[in-house]
Amino acid sequence: MAEKRTIARPYAQAVFDLASAQRQFGPWSERLQLLTAVAADPRMQRLIGNPRITRAQLAGLIVEICGDRLEDQGRSLVGVLVENRRLDMLPEIGALFAEYRAEAERTVQAEVVSAFPLSPEQEAGISVALKKRLGREISLKSSTDETLIGGAVIRAGDLVIDGSVTGHLDRLASALSH
């Protein structure tokens, strides 16, 4: 079976093209999140796999659950996904759409995990440094992990900067063992 991202790509690209033409990235992100949540519900999962439920009934039920939060084009997307038996692709479609959107808006989601809580000034400094290095607007999320002992680990896209004490100790142990 083909990889899920490969199957999801044309759907995500079509939604992205539509959202781009309409300049409606935010609303489409919200619609995809809503549809993903509805399709992931355990009760809905039982209906999706039920051979007694027709595709039209399933699409109608999803549209009814979403109510007025889903406009005509969103309802059309539901119909296409149900018809092609691709509702299970919604998480991948949403993730790919988010990647396309970030690329178009020249933004990147970054995460910093530190041993101790960061001050707003430290977070701002990290954001500025990442913006300079990556040439993109940075959306920074921070959290703490005491097991790092000290320092921080920063992840932004494919970039990982491990400045934690635990990371340094692991690299030292690896170097000594070779």
C-alpha atoms as a PDB file:
ATOM      1  CA  MET A   1       0.000   0.000   0.000  1.00  0.00           C
ATOM      2  CA  ALA A   2       1.234   3.471  -0.830  1.00  0.00           C
ATOM      3  CA  GLU A   3       2.402   5.704   1.956  1.00  0.00           C
ATOM      4  CA  LYS A   4      -0.374   7.814   3.488  1.00  0.00           C
ATOM      5  CA  ARG A   5       1.389  11.101   2.724  1.00  0.00           C
ATOM      6  CA  THR A   6       1.612  10.129  -0.939  1.00  0.00           C
ATOM      7  CA  ILE A   7      -2.116   9.416  -1.069  1.00  0.00           C
ATOM      8  CA  ALA A   8      -2.961  12.584   0.899  1.00  0.00           C
ATOM      9  CA  ARG A   9      -0.762  14.913  -1.167  1.00  0.00           C
ATOM     10  CA  PRO A  10      -3.142  15.612  -4.095  1.00  0.00           C
ATOM     11  CA  TYR A  11      -6.014  16.344  -1.704  1.00  0.00           C
ATOM     12  CA  ALA A  12      -3.869  18.645   0.427  1.00  0.00           C
ATOM     13  CA  GLN A  13      -2.534  20.382  -2.675  1.00  0.00           C
ATOM     14  CA  ALA A  14      -6.061  20.932  -4.022  1.00  0.00           C
ATOM     15  CA  VAL A  15      -7.239  22.406  -0.705  1.00  0.00           C
ATOM     16  CA  PHE A  16      -4.107  24.551  -0.506  1.00  0.00           C
ATOM     17  CA  ASP A  17      -4.600  25.850  -4.052  1.00  0.00           C
ATOM     18  CA  LEU A  18      -8.196  26.723  -3.248  1.00  0.00           C
ATOM     19  CA  ALA A  19      -7.292  28.393   0.061  1.00  0.00           C
ATOM     20  CA  SER A  20      -4.485  30.298  -1.631  1.00  0.00           C
ATOM     21  CA  ALA A  21      -6.742  31.563  -4.410  1.00  0.00           C
ATOM     22  CA  GLN A  22      -9.312  32.663  -1.823  1.00  0.00           C
ATOM     23  CA  ARG A  23      -6.656  33.972   0.592  1.00  0.00           C
ATOM     24  CA  GLN A  24      -8.296  31.896   3.308  1.00  0.00           C
ATOM     25  CA  PHE A  25      -5.562  29.832   4.913  1.00  0.00           C
ATOM     26  CA  GLY A  26      -6.924  30.266   8.444  1.00  0.00           C
ATOM     27  CA  PRO A  27     -10.505  29.183   7.729  1.00  0.00           C
ATOM     28  CA  TRP A  28      -9.307  26.164   5.749  1.00  0.00           C
ATOM     29  CA  SER A  29      -6.939  25.151   8.554  1.00  0.00           C
ATOM     30  CA  GLU A  30      -9.896  25.291  10.941  1.00  0.00           C
ATOM     31  CA  ARG A  31     -12.104  23.253   8.582  1.00  0.00           C
ATOM     32  CA  LEU A  32      -9.466  20.568   8.215  1.00  0.00           C
ATOM     33  CA  GLN A  33      -8.991  20.402  11.989  1.00  0.00           C
ATOM     34  CA  LEU A  34     -12.745  20.090  12.476  1.00  0.00           C
ATOM     35  CA  LEU A  35     -13.071  17.354   9.857  1.00  0.00           C
ATOM     36  CA  THR A  36     -10.100  15.490  11.305  1.00  0.00           C
ATOM     37  CA  ALA A  37     -11.637  15.594  14.790  1.00  0.00           C
ATOM     38  CA  VAL A  38     -15.030  14.415  13.528  1.00  0.00           C
ATOM     39  CA  ALA A  39     -13.552  11.571  11.480  1.00  0.00           C
ATOM     40  CA  ALA A  40     -11.283  10.487  14.365  1.00  0.00           C
ATOM     41  CA  ASP A  41     -14.151  10.163  16.849  1.00  0.00           C
ATOM     42  CA  PRO A  42     -14.462   6.475  17.843  1.00  0.00           C
ATOM     43  CA  ARG A  43     -18.202   6.460  17.112  1.00  0.00           C
ATOM     44  CA  MET A  44     -17.558   7.868  13.639  1.00  0.00           C
ATOM     45  CA  GLN A  45     -14.802   5.316  13.069  1.00  0.00           C
ATOM     46  CA  ARG A  46     -17.338   2.535  13.637  1.00  0.00           C
ATOM     47  CA  LEU A  47     -19.667   4.111  11.076  1.00  0.00           C
ATOM     48  CA  ILE A  48     -16.888   4.641   8.526  1.00  0.00           C
ATOM     49  CA  GLY A  49     -16.144   0.926   8.522  1.00  0.00           C
ATOM     50  CA  ASN A  50     -19.792  -0.161   8.603  1.00  0.00           C
ATOM     51  CA  PRO A  51     -20.857  -1.699   5.266  1.00  0.00           C
ATOM     52  CA  ARG A  52     -24.531  -0.927   6.039  1.00  0.00           C
ATOM     53  CA  ILE A  53     -23.869   2.822   5.903  1.00  0.00           C
ATOM     54  CA  THR A  54     -23.861   4.194   2.355  1.00  0.00           C
ATOM     55  CA  ARG A  55     -21.300   6.756   1.284  1.00  0.00           C
ATOM     56  CA  ALA A  56     -24.050   9.347   0.862  1.00  0.00           C
ATOM     57  CA  GLN A  57     -25.320   8.682   4.398  1.00  0.00           C
ATOM     58  CA  LEU A  58     -21.803   8.953   5.802  1.00  0.00           C
ATOM     59  CA  ALA A  59     -21.062  12.214   3.981  1.00  0.00           C
ATOM     60  CA  GLY A  60     -24.443  13.604   5.055  1.00  0.00           C
ATOM     61  CA  LEU A  61     -23.794  12.690   8.677  1.00  0.00           C
ATOM     62  CA  ILE A  62     -20.375  14.368   8.701  1.00  0.00           C
ATOM     63  CA  VAL A  63     -21.786  17.501   7.087  1.00  0.00           C
ATOM     64  CA  GLU A  64     -24.644  17.531   9.596  1.00  0.00           C
ATOM     65  CA  ILE A  65     -22.237  17.181  12.539  1.00  0.00           C
ATOM     66  CA  CYS A  66     -20.084  20.045  11.255  1.00  0.00           C
ATOM     67  CA  GLY A  67     -23.137  22.212  10.692  1.00  0.00           C
ATOM     68  CA  ASP A  68     -22.595  25.767   9.476  1.00  0.00           C
ATOM     69  CA  ARG A  69     -18.868  25.570  10.247  1.00  0.00           C
ATOM     70  CA  LEU A  70     -18.543  23.800   6.903  1.00  0.00           C
ATOM     71  CA  GLU A  71     -19.419  25.814   3.792  1.00  0.00           C
ATOM     72  CA  ASP A  72     -20.133  24.462   0.283  1.00  0.00           C
ATOM     73  CA  GLN A  73     -16.519  23.770  -0.651  1.00  0.00           C
ATOM     74  CA  GLY A  74     -15.926  22.009   2.665  1.00  0.00           C
ATOM     75  CA  ARG A  75     -18.980  19.865   2.055  1.00  0.00           C
ATOM     76  CA  SER A  76     -17.642  19.061  -1.417  1.00  0.00           C
ATOM     77  CA  LEU A  77     -14.340  17.978   0.130  1.00  0.00           C
ATOM     78  CA  VAL A  78     -16.217  15.653   2.476  1.00  0.00           C
ATOM     79  CA  GLY A  79     -18.084  14.173  -0.488  1.00  0.00           C
ATOM     80  CA  VAL A  80     -14.881  13.560  -2.435  1.00  0.00           C
ATOM     81  CA  LEU A  81     -13.094  12.010   0.547  1.00  0.00           C
ATOM     82  CA  VAL A  82     -16.045   9.747   1.365  1.00  0.00           C
ATOM     83  CA  GLU A  83     -16.531   8.734  -2.274  1.00  0.00           C
ATOM     84  CA  ASN A  84     -12.851   7.822  -2.626  1.00  0.00           C
ATOM     85  CA  ARG A  85     -12.721   6.163   0.819  1.00  0.00           C
ATOM     86  CA  ARG A  86     -10.092   8.638   2.021  1.00  0.00           C
ATOM     87  CA  LEU A  87     -11.543   9.962   5.295  1.00  0.00           C
ATOM     88  CA  ASP A  88      -8.691   8.234   7.099  1.00  0.00           C
ATOM     89  CA  MET A  89      -6.310  10.550   5.212  1.00  0.00           C
ATOM     90  CA  LEU A  90      -7.599  13.701   6.958  1.00  0.00           C
ATOM     91  CA  PRO A  91      -4.744  13.913   9.513  1.00  0.00           C
ATOM     92  CA  GLU A  92      -2.170  13.682   6.719  1.00  0.00           C
ATOM     93  CA  ILE A  93      -4.105  16.118   4.521  1.00  0.00           C
ATOM     94  CA  GLY A  94      -4.210  18.587   7.412  1.00  0.00           C
ATOM     95  CA  ALA A  95      -0.502  18.160   8.160  1.00  0.00           C
ATOM     96  CA  LEU A  96       0.494  18.642   4.520  1.00  0.00           C
ATOM     97  CA  PHE A  97      -1.791  21.667   4.233  1.00  0.00           C
ATOM     98  CA  ALA A  98      -0.087  23.155   7.304  1.00  0.00           C
ATOM     99  CA  GLU A  99       3.323  22.578   5.699  1.00  0.00           C
ATOM    100  CA  TYR A 100       2.226  24.217   2.430  1.00  0.00           C
ATOM    101  CA  ARG A 101       0.728  27.128   4.343  1.00  0.00           C
ATOM    102  CA  ALA A 102       3.882  27.653   6.409  1.00  0.00           C
ATOM    103  CA  GLU A 103       5.967  27.635   3.241  1.00  0.00           C
ATOM    104  CA  ALA A 104       3.668  30.147   1.535  1.00  0.00           C
ATOM    105  CA  GLU A 105       3.586  32.419   4.580  1.00  0.00           C
ATOM    106  CA  ARG A 106       7.318  31.958   5.212  1.00  0.00           C
ATOM    107  CA  THR A 107       6.717  30.836   8.787  1.00  0.00           C
ATOM    108  CA  VAL A 108       8.026  27.984  10.859  1.00  0.00           C
ATOM    109  CA  GLN A 109       6.760  26.443  14.072  1.00  0.00           C
ATOM    110  CA  ALA A 110       9.638  26.122  16.524  1.00  0.00           C
ATOM    111  CA  GLU A 111       9.743  24.380  19.859  1.00  0.00           C
ATOM    112  CA  VAL A 112      12.199  24.979  22.656  1.00  0.00           C
ATOM    113  CA  VAL A 113      12.391  22.515  25.530  1.00  0.00           C
ATOM    114  CA  SER A 114      14.481  23.782  28.425  1.00  0.00           C
ATOM    115  CA  ALA A 115      15.439  22.471  31.834  1.00  0.00           C
ATOM    116  CA  PHE A 116      13.951  25.569  33.468  1.00  0.00           C
ATOM    117  CA  PRO A 117      11.180  27.963  32.384  1.00  0.00           C
ATOM    118  CA  LEU A 118      12.367  30.632  29.950  1.00  0.00           C
ATOM    119  CA  SER A 119      11.788  34.310  30.523  1.00  0.00           C
ATOM    120  CA  PRO A 120       9.960  36.297  27.821  1.00  0.00           C
ATOM    121  CA  GLU A 121      13.290  37.960  26.980  1.00  0.00           C
ATOM    122  CA  GLN A 122      14.956  34.573  26.452  1.00  0.00           C
ATOM    123  CA  GLU A 123      12.101  33.393  24.242  1.00  0.00           C
ATOM    124  CA  ALA A 124      12.312  36.609  22.225  1.00  0.00           C
ATOM    125  CA  GLY A 125      16.075  36.154  21.832  1.00  0.00           C
ATOM    126  CA  ILE A 126      15.632  32.606  20.576  1.00  0.00           C
ATOM    127  CA  SER A 127      12.928  33.744  18.138  1.00  0.00           C
ATOM    128  CA  VAL A 128      15.154  36.518  16.772  1.00  0.00           C
ATOM    129  CA  ALA A 129      18.126  34.158  16.372  1.00  0.00           C
ATOM    130  CA  LEU A 130      16.007  31.517  14.615  1.00  0.00           C
ATOM    131  CA  LYS A 131      14.441  34.131  12.340  1.00  0.00           C
ATOM    132  CA  LYS A 132      17.911  35.309  11.349  1.00  0.00           C
ATOM    133  CA  ARG A 133      19.160  31.765  10.757  1.00  0.00           C
ATOM    134  CA  LEU A 134      16.084  30.449   8.902  1.00  0.00           C
ATOM    135  CA  GLY A 135      14.911  33.635   7.198  1.00  0.00           C
ATOM    136  CA  ARG A 136      11.322  33.028   8.293  1.00  0.00           C
ATOM    137  CA  GLU A 137       8.855  34.297  10.840  1.00  0.00           C
ATOM    138  CA  ILE A 138       8.993  32.126  13.947  1.00  0.00           C
ATOM    139  CA  SER A 139       6.096  30.848  16.023  1.00  0.00           C
ATOM    140  CA  LEU A 140       7.765  29.664  19.228  1.00  0.00           C
ATOM    141  CA  LYS A 141       6.321  27.212  21.728  1.00  0.00           C
ATOM    142  CA  SER A 142       8.276  26.511  24.890  1.00  0.00           C
ATOM    143  CA  SER A 143       8.076  23.823  27.529  1.00  0.00           C
ATOM    144  CA  THR A 144      10.239  22.450  30.309  1.00  0.00           C
ATOM    145  CA  ASP A 145      11.847  19.071  30.870  1.00  0.00           C
ATOM    146  CA  GLU A 146      13.859  18.741  34.069  1.00  0.00           C
ATOM    147  CA  THR A 147      15.633  15.627  32.764  1.00  0.00           C
ATOM    148  CA  LEU A 148      17.705  17.884  30.500  1.00  0.00           C
ATOM    149  CA  ILE A 149      19.561  18.991  33.679  1.00  0.00           C
ATOM    150  CA  GLY A 150      20.405  22.344  32.064  1.00  0.00           C
ATOM    151  CA  GLY A 151      20.328  24.108  28.704  1.00  0.00           C
ATOM    152  CA  ALA A 152      17.718  23.565  26.007  1.00  0.00           C
ATOM    153  CA  VAL A 153      16.789  21.659  22.857  1.00  0.00           C
ATOM    154  CA  ILE A 154      15.382  23.681  19.952  1.00  0.00           C
ATOM    155  CA  ARG A 155      13.459  22.124  17.073  1.00  0.00           C
ATOM    156  CA  ALA A 156      12.388  24.140  14.024  1.00  0.00           C
ATOM    157  CA  GLY A 157      11.399  22.091  11.002  1.00  0.00           C
ATOM    158  CA  ASP A 158      14.316  19.775  10.240  1.00  0.00           C
ATOM    159  CA  LEU A 159      16.703  21.820  12.389  1.00  0.00           C
ATOM    160  CA  VAL A 160      17.518  20.432  15.847  1.00  0.00           C
ATOM    161  CA  ILE A 161      19.897  22.275  18.158  1.00  0.00           C
ATOM    162  CA  ASP A 162      20.706  20.287  21.287  1.00  0.00           C
ATOM    163  CA  GLY A 163      22.335  22.569  23.828  1.00  0.00           C
ATOM    164  CA  SER A 164      21.212  20.535  26.820  1.00  0.00           C
ATOM    165  CA  VAL A 165      23.551  19.186  29.463  1.00  0.00           C
ATOM    166  CA  THR A 166      22.070  15.733  28.900  1.00  0.00           C
ATOM    167  CA  GLY A 167      22.831  16.000  25.173  1.00  0.00           C
ATOM    168  CA  HIS A 168      26.421  17.063  25.858  1.00  0.00           C
ATOM    169  CA  LEU A 169      26.873  14.164  28.299  1.00  0.00           C
ATOM    170  CA  ASP A 170      25.446  11.699  25.766  1.00  0.00           C
ATOM    171  CA  ARG A 171      27.821  12.954  23.052  1.00  0.00           C
ATOM    172  CA  LEU A 172      30.781  12.796  25.474  1.00  0.00           C
ATOM    173  CA  ALA A 173      29.889   9.243  26.499  1.00  0.00           C
ATOM    174  CA  SER A 174      29.598   8.236  22.840  1.00  0.00           C
ATOM    175  CA  ALA A 175      32.949   9.804  21.997  1.00  0.00           C
ATOM    176  CA  LEU A 176      34.648   8.065  24.934  1.00  0.00           C
ATOM    177  CA  SER A 177      33.193   4.666  24.026  1.00  0.00           C
ATOM    178  CA  HIS A 178      34.602   4.788  20.480  1.00  0.00           C
END
